[in-house]
Amino acid sequence: MHPPLTLHRHPMCAEIIELFQKCHNDHPYGKFFGECTDLKIKLDRCFRQEKAVKRKANFEESKKLKERLQAYRKETATETENIM
């Protein structure tokens, strides 16, 4: 099962999505008997690669956020110690 095949949500896989949809339109009965299986496999691989890229970007962003949060906590801790 794949996610919804919207081109704006999957720019990396747009070309394969279009080919896959064209295959389904060109072969309305053949799609049930493996006519578009090769494209489906390519599409699944593309989605996996796209997810890996997004996961890596999200991880980097969370690392930056965590560092900023730790710096903020350290700064506020030293300020409260100076006040007391």
PDB file of N, CA and C in Angstrom:
ATOM      1  N   MET A   1       0.847  -1.178   0.000  1.00  0.00           N
ATOM      2  CA  MET A   1       0.000   0.000   0.000  1.00  0.00           C
ATOM      3  C   MET A   1       0.890   1.237   0.000  1.00  0.00           C
ATOM      4  N   HIS A   2       0.534   2.189  -0.768  1.00  0.00           N
ATOM      5  CA  HIS A   2       1.314   3.410  -0.855  1.00  0.00           C
ATOM      6  C   HIS A   2       0.477   4.595  -0.381  1.00  0.00           C
ATOM      7  N   PRO A   3       1.137   5.703  -0.065  1.00  0.00           N
ATOM      8  CA  PRO A   3       0.385   6.895   0.339  1.00  0.00           C
ATOM      9  C   PRO A   3      -0.368   7.477  -0.849  1.00  0.00           C
ATOM     10  N   PRO A   4      -1.251   8.443  -0.592  1.00  0.00           N
ATOM     11  CA  PRO A   4      -1.960   9.072  -1.719  1.00  0.00           C
ATOM     12  C   PRO A   4      -0.979   9.640  -2.746  1.00  0.00           C
ATOM     13  N   LEU A   5      -1.292   9.444  -3.992  1.00  0.00           N
ATOM     14  CA  LEU A   5      -0.370   9.817  -5.069  1.00  0.00           C
ATOM     15  C   LEU A   5      -0.608  11.259  -5.525  1.00  0.00           C
ATOM     16  N   THR A   6      -0.350  12.190  -4.640  1.00  0.00           N
ATOM     17  CA  THR A   6      -0.470  13.599  -4.983  1.00  0.00           C
ATOM     18  C   THR A   6       0.916  14.124  -5.322  1.00  0.00           C
ATOM     19  N   LEU A   7       1.005  14.806  -6.432  1.00  0.00           N
ATOM     20  CA  LEU A   7       2.313  15.251  -6.924  1.00  0.00           C
ATOM     21  C   LEU A   7       2.936  16.324  -6.037  1.00  0.00           C
ATOM     22  N   HIS A   8       2.119  17.200  -5.463  1.00  0.00           N
ATOM     23  CA  HIS A   8       2.687  18.276  -4.656  1.00  0.00           C
ATOM     24  C   HIS A   8       3.260  17.777  -3.334  1.00  0.00           C
ATOM     25  N   ARG A   9       2.823  16.621  -2.860  1.00  0.00           N
ATOM     26  CA  ARG A   9       3.360  16.079  -1.609  1.00  0.00           C
ATOM     27  C   ARG A   9       4.601  15.223  -1.824  1.00  0.00           C
ATOM     28  N   HIS A  10       4.821  14.789  -3.054  1.00  0.00           N
ATOM     29  CA  HIS A  10       5.953  13.912  -3.362  1.00  0.00           C
ATOM     30  C   HIS A  10       6.704  14.423  -4.588  1.00  0.00           C
ATOM     31  N   PRO A  11       7.388  15.555  -4.461  1.00  0.00           N
ATOM     32  CA  PRO A  11       8.070  16.115  -5.633  1.00  0.00           C
ATOM     33  C   PRO A  11       9.206  15.241  -6.157  1.00  0.00           C
ATOM     34  N   MET A  12       9.853  14.490  -5.281  1.00  0.00           N
ATOM     35  CA  MET A  12      10.946  13.631  -5.731  1.00  0.00           C
ATOM     36  C   MET A  12      10.456  12.496  -6.628  1.00  0.00           C
ATOM     37  N   CYS A  13       9.234  12.070  -6.419  1.00  0.00           N
ATOM     38  CA  CYS A  13       8.697  10.901  -7.120  1.00  0.00           C
ATOM     39  C   CYS A  13       7.646  11.277  -8.163  1.00  0.00           C
ATOM     40  N   ALA A  14       7.557  12.537  -8.518  1.00  0.00           N
ATOM     41  CA  ALA A  14       6.486  13.005  -9.400  1.00  0.00           C
ATOM     42  C   ALA A  14       6.491  12.291 -10.752  1.00  0.00           C
ATOM     43  N   GLU A  15       7.654  12.099 -11.322  1.00  0.00           N
ATOM     44  CA  GLU A  15       7.739  11.466 -12.642  1.00  0.00           C
ATOM     45  C   GLU A  15       7.234  10.019 -12.593  1.00  0.00           C
ATOM     46  N   ILE A  16       7.634   9.294 -11.566  1.00  0.00           N
ATOM     47  CA  ILE A  16       7.221   7.897 -11.439  1.00  0.00           C
ATOM     48  C   ILE A  16       5.724   7.815 -11.142  1.00  0.00           C
ATOM     49  N   ILE A  17       5.215   8.744 -10.342  1.00  0.00           N
ATOM     50  CA  ILE A  17       3.780   8.766 -10.046  1.00  0.00           C
ATOM     51  C   ILE A  17       2.979   8.960 -11.335  1.00  0.00           C
ATOM     52  N   GLU A  18       3.418   9.893 -12.164  1.00  0.00           N
ATOM     53  CA  GLU A  18       2.714  10.137 -13.427  1.00  0.00           C
ATOM     54  C   GLU A  18       2.742   8.902 -14.327  1.00  0.00           C
ATOM     55  N   LEU A  19       3.896   8.247 -14.414  1.00  0.00           N
ATOM     56  CA  LEU A  19       3.992   7.028 -15.228  1.00  0.00           C
ATOM     57  C   LEU A  19       3.098   5.918 -14.675  1.00  0.00           C
ATOM     58  N   PHE A  20       3.056   5.798 -13.353  1.00  0.00           N
ATOM     59  CA  PHE A  20       2.238   4.775 -12.704  1.00  0.00           C
ATOM     60  C   PHE A  20       0.749   5.031 -12.957  1.00  0.00           C
ATOM     61  N   GLN A  21       0.334   6.269 -12.828  1.00  0.00           N
ATOM     62  CA  GLN A  21      -1.070   6.600 -13.082  1.00  0.00           C
ATOM     63  C   GLN A  21      -1.427   6.397 -14.556  1.00  0.00           C
ATOM     64  N   LYS A  22      -0.495   6.741 -15.445  1.00  0.00           N
ATOM     65  CA  LYS A  22      -0.725   6.529 -16.882  1.00  0.00           C
ATOM     66  C   LYS A  22      -0.855   5.040 -17.180  1.00  0.00           C
ATOM     67  N   CYS A  23      -0.030   4.233 -16.549  1.00  0.00           N
ATOM     68  CA  CYS A  23      -0.092   2.784 -16.742  1.00  0.00           C
ATOM     69  C   CYS A  23      -1.460   2.254 -16.295  1.00  0.00           C
ATOM     70  N   HIS A  24      -1.938   2.742 -15.155  1.00  0.00           N
ATOM     71  CA  HIS A  24      -3.245   2.296 -14.664  1.00  0.00           C
ATOM     72  C   HIS A  24      -4.368   2.736 -15.609  1.00  0.00           C
ATOM     73  N   ASN A  25      -4.240   3.926 -16.180  1.00  0.00           N
ATOM     74  CA  ASN A  25      -5.264   4.388 -17.117  1.00  0.00           C
ATOM     75  C   ASN A  25      -5.200   3.642 -18.447  1.00  0.00           C
ATOM     76  N   ASP A  26      -4.000   3.324 -18.897  1.00  0.00           N
ATOM     77  CA  ASP A  26      -3.827   2.630 -20.173  1.00  0.00           C
ATOM     78  C   ASP A  26      -4.206   1.155 -20.097  1.00  0.00           C
ATOM     79  N   HIS A  27      -4.076   0.576 -18.928  1.00  0.00           N
ATOM     80  CA  HIS A  27      -4.333  -0.863 -18.746  1.00  0.00           C
ATOM     81  C   HIS A  27      -5.334  -1.075 -17.609  1.00  0.00           C
ATOM     82  N   PRO A  28      -6.604  -0.790 -17.848  1.00  0.00           N
ATOM     83  CA  PRO A  28      -7.586  -0.868 -16.764  1.00  0.00           C
ATOM     84  C   PRO A  28      -7.752  -2.276 -16.187  1.00  0.00           C
ATOM     85  N   TYR A  29      -7.552  -3.317 -16.977  1.00  0.00           N
ATOM     86  CA  TYR A  29      -7.654  -4.674 -16.465  1.00  0.00           C
ATOM     87  C   TYR A  29      -6.279  -5.287 -16.230  1.00  0.00           C
ATOM     88  N   GLY A  30      -5.316  -4.863 -17.018  1.00  0.00           N
ATOM     89  CA  GLY A  30      -3.961  -5.396 -16.879  1.00  0.00           C
ATOM     90  C   GLY A  30      -3.314  -5.016 -15.559  1.00  0.00           C
ATOM     91  N   LYS A  31      -3.756  -3.914 -14.975  1.00  0.00           N
ATOM     92  CA  LYS A  31      -3.180  -3.494 -13.690  1.00  0.00           C
ATOM     93  C   LYS A  31      -3.447  -4.527 -12.599  1.00  0.00           C
ATOM     94  N   PHE A  32      -4.503  -5.313 -12.752  1.00  0.00           N
ATOM     95  CA  PHE A  32      -4.816  -6.350 -11.765  1.00  0.00           C
ATOM     96  C   PHE A  32      -3.977  -7.610 -11.966  1.00  0.00           C
ATOM     97  N   PHE A  33      -3.332  -7.719 -13.124  1.00  0.00           N
ATOM     98  CA  PHE A  33      -2.555  -8.917 -13.439  1.00  0.00           C
ATOM     99  C   PHE A  33      -1.063  -8.633 -13.587  1.00  0.00           C
ATOM    100  N   GLY A  34      -0.596  -7.550 -12.976  1.00  0.00           N
ATOM    101  CA  GLY A  34       0.833  -7.283 -12.925  1.00  0.00           C
ATOM    102  C   GLY A  34       1.389  -6.424 -14.030  1.00  0.00           C
ATOM    103  N   GLU A  35       0.556  -5.762 -14.778  1.00  0.00           N
ATOM    104  CA  GLU A  35       1.021  -4.937 -15.894  1.00  0.00           C
ATOM    105  C   GLU A  35       1.876  -3.762 -15.398  1.00  0.00           C
ATOM    106  N   CYS A  36       1.547  -3.224 -14.236  1.00  0.00           N
ATOM    107  CA  CYS A  36       2.230  -2.027 -13.719  1.00  0.00           C
ATOM    108  C   CYS A  36       3.116  -2.328 -12.509  1.00  0.00           C
ATOM    109  N   THR A  37       3.435  -3.580 -12.304  1.00  0.00           N
ATOM    110  CA  THR A  37       4.185  -3.978 -11.122  1.00  0.00           C
ATOM    111  C   THR A  37       5.579  -3.361 -11.072  1.00  0.00           C
ATOM    112  N   ASP A  38       6.253  -3.277 -12.205  1.00  0.00           N
ATOM    113  CA  ASP A  38       7.602  -2.699 -12.221  1.00  0.00           C
ATOM    114  C   ASP A  38       7.576  -1.242 -11.766  1.00  0.00           C
ATOM    115  N   LEU A  39       6.588  -0.509 -12.238  1.00  0.00           N
ATOM    116  CA  LEU A  39       6.461   0.888 -11.816  1.00  0.00           C
ATOM    117  C   LEU A  39       6.106   0.986 -10.335  1.00  0.00           C
ATOM    118  N   LYS A  40       5.310   0.055  -9.852  1.00  0.00           N
ATOM    119  CA  LYS A  40       4.943   0.038  -8.427  1.00  0.00           C
ATOM    120  C   LYS A  40       6.179  -0.175  -7.568  1.00  0.00           C
ATOM    121  N   ILE A  41       7.053  -1.053  -7.989  1.00  0.00           N
ATOM    122  CA  ILE A  41       8.290  -1.321  -7.245  1.00  0.00           C
ATOM    123  C   ILE A  41       9.170  -0.073  -7.244  1.00  0.00           C
ATOM    124  N   LYS A  42       9.302   0.579  -8.407  1.00  0.00           N
ATOM    125  CA  LYS A  42      10.085   1.817  -8.485  1.00  0.00           C
ATOM    126  C   LYS A  42       9.485   2.899  -7.599  1.00  0.00           C
ATOM    127  N   LEU A  43       8.169   2.977  -7.581  1.00  0.00           N
ATOM    128  CA  LEU A  43       7.475   3.973  -6.778  1.00  0.00           C
ATOM    129  C   LEU A  43       7.708   3.723  -5.290  1.00  0.00           C
ATOM    130  N   ASP A  44       7.629   2.472  -4.862  1.00  0.00           N
ATOM    131  CA  ASP A  44       7.883   2.140  -3.461  1.00  0.00           C
ATOM    132  C   ASP A  44       9.312   2.502  -3.052  1.00  0.00           C
ATOM    133  N   ARG A  45      10.270   2.218  -3.932  1.00  0.00           N
ATOM    134  CA  ARG A  45      11.671   2.567  -3.635  1.00  0.00           C
ATOM    135  C   ARG A  45      11.855   4.075  -3.539  1.00  0.00           C
ATOM    136  N   CYS A  46      11.193   4.796  -4.434  1.00  0.00           N
ATOM    137  CA  CYS A  46      11.286   6.254  -4.417  1.00  0.00           C
ATOM    138  C   CYS A  46      10.692   6.808  -3.125  1.00  0.00           C
ATOM    139  N   PHE A  47       9.543   6.261  -2.707  1.00  0.00           N
ATOM    140  CA  PHE A  47       8.934   6.711  -1.457  1.00  0.00           C
ATOM    141  C   PHE A  47       9.845   6.432  -0.266  1.00  0.00           C
ATOM    142  N   ARG A  48      10.528   5.301  -0.271  1.00  0.00           N
ATOM    143  CA  ARG A  48      11.464   4.990   0.820  1.00  0.00           C
ATOM    144  C   ARG A  48      12.618   5.979   0.852  1.00  0.00           C
ATOM    145  N   GLN A  49      13.153   6.295  -0.324  1.00  0.00           N
ATOM    146  CA  GLN A  49      14.251   7.266  -0.396  1.00  0.00           C
ATOM    147  C   GLN A  49      13.783   8.646   0.058  1.00  0.00           C
ATOM    148  N   GLU A  50      12.615   9.024  -0.375  1.00  0.00           N
ATOM    149  CA  GLU A  50      12.062  10.324   0.009  1.00  0.00           C
ATOM    150  C   GLU A  50      11.862  10.392   1.524  1.00  0.00           C
ATOM    151  N   LYS A  51      11.373   9.321   2.100  1.00  0.00           N
ATOM    152  CA  LYS A  51      11.158   9.278   3.544  1.00  0.00           C
ATOM    153  C   LYS A  51      12.488   9.362   4.294  1.00  0.00           C
ATOM    154  N   ALA A  52      13.508   8.700   3.778  1.00  0.00           N
ATOM    155  CA  ALA A  52      14.825   8.757   4.418  1.00  0.00           C
ATOM    156  C   ALA A  52      15.384  10.176   4.394  1.00  0.00           C
ATOM    157  N   VAL A  53      15.197  10.873   3.286  1.00  0.00           N
ATOM    158  CA  VAL A  53      15.675  12.260   3.188  1.00  0.00           C
ATOM    159  C   VAL A  53      14.928  13.145   4.186  1.00  0.00           C
ATOM    160  N   LYS A  54      13.612  12.977   4.259  1.00  0.00           N
ATOM    161  CA  LYS A  54      12.811  13.770   5.200  1.00  0.00           C
ATOM    162  C   LYS A  54      13.189  13.450   6.644  1.00  0.00           C
ATOM    163  N   ARG A  55      13.408  12.165   6.926  1.00  0.00           N
ATOM    164  CA  ARG A  55      13.769  11.757   8.276  1.00  0.00           C
ATOM    165  C   ARG A  55      15.096  12.389   8.695  1.00  0.00           C
ATOM    166  N   LYS A  56      16.054  12.390   7.785  1.00  0.00           N
ATOM    167  CA  LYS A  56      17.362  12.977   8.086  1.00  0.00           C
ATOM    168  C   LYS A  56      17.237  14.481   8.330  1.00  0.00           C
ATOM    169  N   ALA A  57      16.449  15.170   7.507  1.00  0.00           N
ATOM    170  CA  ALA A  57      16.257  16.614   7.681  1.00  0.00           C
ATOM    171  C   ALA A  57      15.564  16.909   9.006  1.00  0.00           C
ATOM    172  N   ASN A  58      14.563  16.110   9.353  1.00  0.00           N
ATOM    173  CA  ASN A  58      13.869  16.304  10.627  1.00  0.00           C
ATOM    174  C   ASN A  58      14.791  16.050  11.809  1.00  0.00           C
ATOM    175  N   PHE A  59      15.661  15.060  11.687  1.00  0.00           N
ATOM    176  CA  PHE A  59      16.597  14.758  12.760  1.00  0.00           C
ATOM    177  C   PHE A  59      17.574  15.916  12.964  1.00  0.00           C
ATOM    178  N   GLU A  60      18.087  16.462  11.875  1.00  0.00           N
ATOM    179  CA  GLU A  60      19.009  17.599  11.963  1.00  0.00           C
ATOM    180  C   GLU A  60      18.308  18.805  12.598  1.00  0.00           C
ATOM    181  N   GLU A  61      17.075  19.041  12.206  1.00  0.00           N
ATOM    182  CA  GLU A  61      16.311  20.162  12.762  1.00  0.00           C
ATOM    183  C   GLU A  61      16.072  19.961  14.257  1.00  0.00           C
ATOM    184  N   SER A  62      15.761  18.732  14.654  1.00  0.00           N
ATOM    185  CA  SER A  62      15.525  18.470  16.076  1.00  0.00           C
ATOM    186  C   SER A  62      16.815  18.608  16.881  1.00  0.00           C
ATOM    187  N   LYS A  63      17.951  18.254  16.278  1.00  0.00           N
ATOM    188  CA  LYS A  63      19.234  18.433  16.956  1.00  0.00           C
ATOM    189  C   LYS A  63      19.506  19.909  17.222  1.00  0.00           C
ATOM    190  N   LYS A  64      19.245  20.754  16.229  1.00  0.00           N
ATOM    191  CA  LYS A  64      19.448  22.190  16.387  1.00  0.00           C
ATOM    192  C   LYS A  64      18.525  22.741  17.467  1.00  0.00           C
ATOM    193  N   LEU A  65      17.280  22.299  17.447  1.00  0.00           N
ATOM    194  CA  LEU A  65      16.317  22.768  18.441  1.00  0.00           C
ATOM    195  C   LEU A  65      16.729  22.339  19.846  1.00  0.00           C
ATOM    196  N   LYS A  66      17.204  21.112  19.971  1.00  0.00           N
ATOM    197  CA  LYS A  66      17.633  20.610  21.273  1.00  0.00           C
ATOM    198  C   LYS A  66      18.830  21.411  21.795  1.00  0.00           C
ATOM    199  N   GLU A  67      19.773  21.738  20.913  1.00  0.00           N
ATOM    200  CA  GLU A  67      20.933  22.535  21.314  1.00  0.00           C
ATOM    201  C   GLU A  67      20.505  23.930  21.771  1.00  0.00           C
ATOM    202  N   ARG A  68      19.581  24.542  21.042  1.00  0.00           N
ATOM    203  CA  ARG A  68      19.087  25.867  21.434  1.00  0.00           C
ATOM    204  C   ARG A  68      18.372  25.807  22.775  1.00  0.00           C
ATOM    205  N   LEU A  69      17.604  24.749  22.993  1.00  0.00           N
ATOM    206  CA  LEU A  69      16.885  24.584  24.248  1.00  0.00           C
ATOM    207  C   LEU A  69      17.851  24.384  25.416  1.00  0.00           C
ATOM    208  N   GLN A  70      18.882  23.585  25.218  1.00  0.00           N
ATOM    209  CA  GLN A  70      19.871  23.377  26.275  1.00  0.00           C
ATOM    210  C   GLN A  70      20.619  24.668  26.587  1.00  0.00           C
ATOM    211  N   ALA A  71      20.951  25.438  25.557  1.00  0.00           N
ATOM    212  CA  ALA A  71      21.627  26.718  25.781  1.00  0.00           C
ATOM    213  C   ALA A  71      20.720  27.670  26.542  1.00  0.00           C
ATOM    214  N   TYR A  72      19.450  27.696  26.209  1.00  0.00           N
ATOM    215  CA  TYR A  72      18.493  28.553  26.904  1.00  0.00           C
ATOM    216  C   TYR A  72      18.352  28.140  28.357  1.00  0.00           C
ATOM    217  N   ARG A  73      18.242  26.841  28.615  1.00  0.00           N
ATOM    218  CA  ARG A  73      18.129  26.354  30.002  1.00  0.00           C
ATOM    219  C   ARG A  73      19.374  26.694  30.809  1.00  0.00           C
ATOM    220  N   LYS A  74      20.536  26.541  30.192  1.00  0.00           N
ATOM    221  CA  LYS A  74      21.788  26.866  30.882  1.00  0.00           C
ATOM    222  C   LYS A  74      21.842  28.356  31.187  1.00  0.00           C
ATOM    223  N   GLU A  75      21.433  29.178  30.239  1.00  0.00           N
ATOM    224  CA  GLU A  75      21.435  30.627  30.422  1.00  0.00           C
ATOM    225  C   GLU A  75      20.481  31.037  31.542  1.00  0.00           C
ATOM    226  N   THR A  76      19.283  30.479  31.548  1.00  0.00           N
ATOM    227  CA  THR A  76      18.319  30.835  32.592  1.00  0.00           C
ATOM    228  C   THR A  76      18.755  30.303  33.952  1.00  0.00           C
ATOM    229  N   ALA A  77      19.426  29.155  33.988  1.00  0.00           N
ATOM    230  CA  ALA A  77      19.903  28.609  35.257  1.00  0.00           C
ATOM    231  C   ALA A  77      20.968  29.506  35.857  1.00  0.00           C
ATOM    232  N   THR A  78      21.887  30.007  35.030  1.00  0.00           N
ATOM    233  CA  THR A  78      22.927  30.895  35.546  1.00  0.00           C
ATOM    234  C   THR A  78      22.335  32.240  35.976  1.00  0.00           C
ATOM    235  N   GLU A  79      21.324  32.722  35.306  1.00  0.00           N
ATOM    236  CA  GLU A  79      20.663  33.972  35.689  1.00  0.00           C
ATOM    237  C   GLU A  79      19.969  33.824  37.036  1.00  0.00           C
ATOM    238  N   THR A  80      19.300  32.692  37.262  1.00  0.00           N
ATOM    239  CA  THR A  80      18.611  32.499  38.537  1.00  0.00           C
ATOM    240  C   THR A  80      19.615  32.326  39.679  1.00  0.00           C
ATOM    241  N   GLU A  81      20.766  31.707  39.396  1.00  0.00           N
ATOM    242  CA  GLU A  81      21.795  31.560  40.421  1.00  0.00           C
ATOM    243  C   GLU A  81      22.376  32.929  40.787  1.00  0.00           C
ATOM    244  N   ASN A  82      22.549  33.810  39.801  1.00  0.00           N
ATOM    245  CA  ASN A  82      23.082  35.133  40.049  1.00  0.00           C
ATOM    246  C   ASN A  82      22.111  35.996  40.854  1.00  0.00           C
ATOM    247  N   ILE A  83      20.825  35.780  40.689  1.00  0.00           N
ATOM    248  CA  ILE A  83      19.820  36.562  41.399  1.00  0.00           C
ATOM    249  C   ILE A  83      19.797  36.160  42.868  1.00  0.00           C
ATOM    250  N   MET A  84      19.948  34.901  43.149  1.00  0.00           N
ATOM    251  CA  MET A  84      19.878  34.417  44.525  1.00  0.00           C
ATOM    252  C   MET A  84      21.153  34.657  45.209  1.00  0.00           C
TER     253      MET A  84
END
